[in-house]
Amino acid sequence: MFGDRTPSEATETERESGRRVGAVALLLVAILGALAVALGARRRERATLEPPF
């Protein structure tokens, strides 16, 4: 009872849920970052290929 340091099932479930949420958030940030880099590179290409007249 008092000496038992085994976490309860609810605590373990909360940890697993928190890990999933963190992983999904990290994945979304990575995808958005990749899109931002791709769009930035594309704009640079357009700027160098089409000189203003």
N, C-alpha and C. Protein backbone atom coordinates (compact mmCIF):
# COMPACT_ATOMS: atom_id res chain seq x y z
N MET A 1 0.82 -1.17 0.00
CA MET A 1 0.00 0.00 0.00
C MET A 1 0.88 1.25 0.00
N PHE A 2 1.53 1.55 1.12
CA PHE A 2 2.33 2.77 1.17
C PHE A 2 3.70 2.57 0.53
N GLY A 3 4.20 1.35 0.57
CA GLY A 3 5.53 1.09 0.01
C GLY A 3 5.49 0.72 -1.46
N ASP A 4 4.31 0.56 -2.02
CA ASP A 4 4.18 0.16 -3.42
C ASP A 4 4.45 1.35 -4.32
N ARG A 5 5.51 1.26 -5.12
CA ARG A 5 5.87 2.36 -6.02
C ARG A 5 5.44 2.07 -7.46
N THR A 6 4.66 1.04 -7.68
CA THR A 6 4.19 0.71 -9.02
C THR A 6 3.14 1.74 -9.45
N PRO A 7 3.32 2.37 -10.60
CA PRO A 7 2.33 3.36 -11.03
C PRO A 7 1.00 2.69 -11.37
N SER A 8 -0.07 3.39 -11.15
CA SER A 8 -1.39 2.85 -11.45
C SER A 8 -1.59 2.77 -12.96
N GLU A 9 -2.58 2.00 -13.37
CA GLU A 9 -2.86 1.87 -14.80
C GLU A 9 -3.30 3.20 -15.39
N ALA A 10 -4.02 4.00 -14.63
CA ALA A 10 -4.47 5.30 -15.13
C ALA A 10 -3.27 6.20 -15.42
N THR A 11 -2.29 6.18 -14.54
CA THR A 11 -1.10 7.01 -14.74
C THR A 11 -0.34 6.58 -15.99
N GLU A 12 -0.21 5.27 -16.18
CA GLU A 12 0.48 4.77 -17.37
C GLU A 12 -0.28 5.14 -18.64
N THR A 13 -1.59 5.06 -18.60
CA THR A 13 -2.41 5.41 -19.77
C THR A 13 -2.26 6.89 -20.08
N GLU A 14 -2.24 7.73 -19.06
CA GLU A 14 -2.06 9.16 -19.27
C GLU A 14 -0.70 9.45 -19.89
N ARG A 15 0.32 8.76 -19.44
CA ARG A 15 1.66 8.96 -20.01
C ARG A 15 1.70 8.57 -21.48
N GLU A 16 1.09 7.41 -21.80
CA GLU A 16 1.07 6.97 -23.20
C GLU A 16 0.29 7.95 -24.06
N SER A 17 -0.81 8.45 -23.55
CA SER A 17 -1.61 9.42 -24.29
C SER A 17 -0.81 10.71 -24.51
N GLY A 18 -0.11 11.15 -23.48
CA GLY A 18 0.71 12.35 -23.60
C GLY A 18 1.83 12.18 -24.61
N ARG A 19 2.39 10.99 -24.66
CA ARG A 19 3.45 10.72 -25.64
C ARG A 19 2.89 10.78 -27.05
N ARG A 20 1.68 10.22 -27.23
CA ARG A 20 1.08 10.25 -28.57
C ARG A 20 0.80 11.68 -29.01
N VAL A 21 0.27 12.46 -28.10
CA VAL A 21 -0.04 13.86 -28.43
C VAL A 21 1.25 14.60 -28.77
N GLY A 22 2.30 14.36 -28.02
CA GLY A 22 3.59 15.00 -28.30
C GLY A 22 4.15 14.57 -29.64
N ALA A 23 4.01 13.29 -29.97
CA ALA A 23 4.52 12.78 -31.24
C ALA A 23 3.74 13.37 -32.41
N VAL A 24 2.43 13.48 -32.27
CA VAL A 24 1.61 14.05 -33.34
C VAL A 24 1.95 15.53 -33.52
N ALA A 25 2.13 16.24 -32.42
CA ALA A 25 2.49 17.66 -32.50
C ALA A 25 3.84 17.84 -33.19
N LEU A 26 4.80 17.00 -32.84
CA LEU A 26 6.12 17.07 -33.46
C LEU A 26 6.03 16.77 -34.96
N LEU A 27 5.22 15.80 -35.32
CA LEU A 27 5.04 15.46 -36.73
C LEU A 27 4.43 16.63 -37.50
N LEU A 28 3.42 17.27 -36.92
CA LEU A 28 2.80 18.42 -37.58
C LEU A 28 3.79 19.57 -37.75
N VAL A 29 4.59 19.82 -36.74
CA VAL A 29 5.60 20.88 -36.83
C VAL A 29 6.61 20.56 -37.92
N ALA A 30 7.01 19.30 -38.01
CA ALA A 30 7.98 18.90 -39.05
C ALA A 30 7.38 19.08 -40.44
N ILE A 31 6.13 18.71 -40.61
CA ILE A 31 5.48 18.85 -41.92
C ILE A 31 5.35 20.32 -42.29
N LEU A 32 4.91 21.14 -41.34
CA LEU A 32 4.77 22.57 -41.62
C LEU A 32 6.13 23.21 -41.92
N GLY A 33 7.16 22.78 -41.23
CA GLY A 33 8.50 23.30 -41.49
C GLY A 33 8.98 22.93 -42.88
N ALA A 34 8.73 21.69 -43.29
CA ALA A 34 9.12 21.26 -44.63
C ALA A 34 8.37 22.04 -45.70
N LEU A 35 7.09 22.29 -45.47
CA LEU A 35 6.32 23.08 -46.43
C LEU A 35 6.86 24.51 -46.53
N ALA A 36 7.20 25.08 -45.40
CA ALA A 36 7.73 26.45 -45.40
C ALA A 36 9.05 26.51 -46.16
N VAL A 37 9.91 25.54 -45.97
CA VAL A 37 11.19 25.51 -46.68
C VAL A 37 10.96 25.33 -48.17
N ALA A 38 10.04 24.43 -48.53
CA ALA A 38 9.77 24.19 -49.95
C ALA A 38 9.20 25.44 -50.62
N LEU A 39 8.28 26.11 -49.95
CA LEU A 39 7.70 27.33 -50.53
C LEU A 39 8.74 28.44 -50.62
N GLY A 40 9.60 28.55 -49.64
CA GLY A 40 10.66 29.56 -49.68
C GLY A 40 11.62 29.31 -50.82
N ALA A 41 11.99 28.06 -51.04
CA ALA A 41 12.90 27.72 -52.13
C ALA A 41 12.24 28.00 -53.48
N ARG A 42 10.96 27.73 -53.57
CA ARG A 42 10.25 27.95 -54.82
C ARG A 42 10.18 29.44 -55.15
N ARG A 43 9.95 30.25 -54.14
CA ARG A 43 9.89 31.70 -54.37
C ARG A 43 11.24 32.23 -54.80
N ARG A 44 12.31 31.69 -54.22
CA ARG A 44 13.65 32.14 -54.61
C ARG A 44 13.93 31.79 -56.06
N GLU A 45 13.52 30.59 -56.48
CA GLU A 45 13.73 30.19 -57.87
C GLU A 45 12.99 31.12 -58.82
N ARG A 46 11.76 31.46 -58.49
CA ARG A 46 10.99 32.36 -59.35
C ARG A 46 11.66 33.73 -59.43
N ALA A 47 12.18 34.20 -58.32
CA ALA A 47 12.81 35.52 -58.30
C ALA A 47 14.07 35.53 -59.18
N THR A 48 14.81 34.43 -59.22
CA THR A 48 16.04 34.40 -60.01
C THR A 48 15.76 34.11 -61.48
N LEU A 49 14.67 33.40 -61.78
CA LEU A 49 14.39 33.04 -63.16
C LEU A 49 13.64 34.13 -63.91
N GLU A 50 12.84 34.93 -63.24
CA GLU A 50 12.05 35.95 -63.91
C GLU A 50 12.50 37.34 -63.48
N PRO A 51 13.42 37.93 -64.23
CA PRO A 51 13.86 39.28 -63.85
C PRO A 51 12.75 40.30 -64.13
N PRO A 52 12.65 41.31 -63.31
CA PRO A 52 11.61 42.33 -63.53
C PRO A 52 11.95 43.21 -64.74
N PHE A 53 10.95 43.57 -65.51
CA PHE A 53 11.16 44.42 -66.68
C PHE A 53 10.50 45.76 -66.47
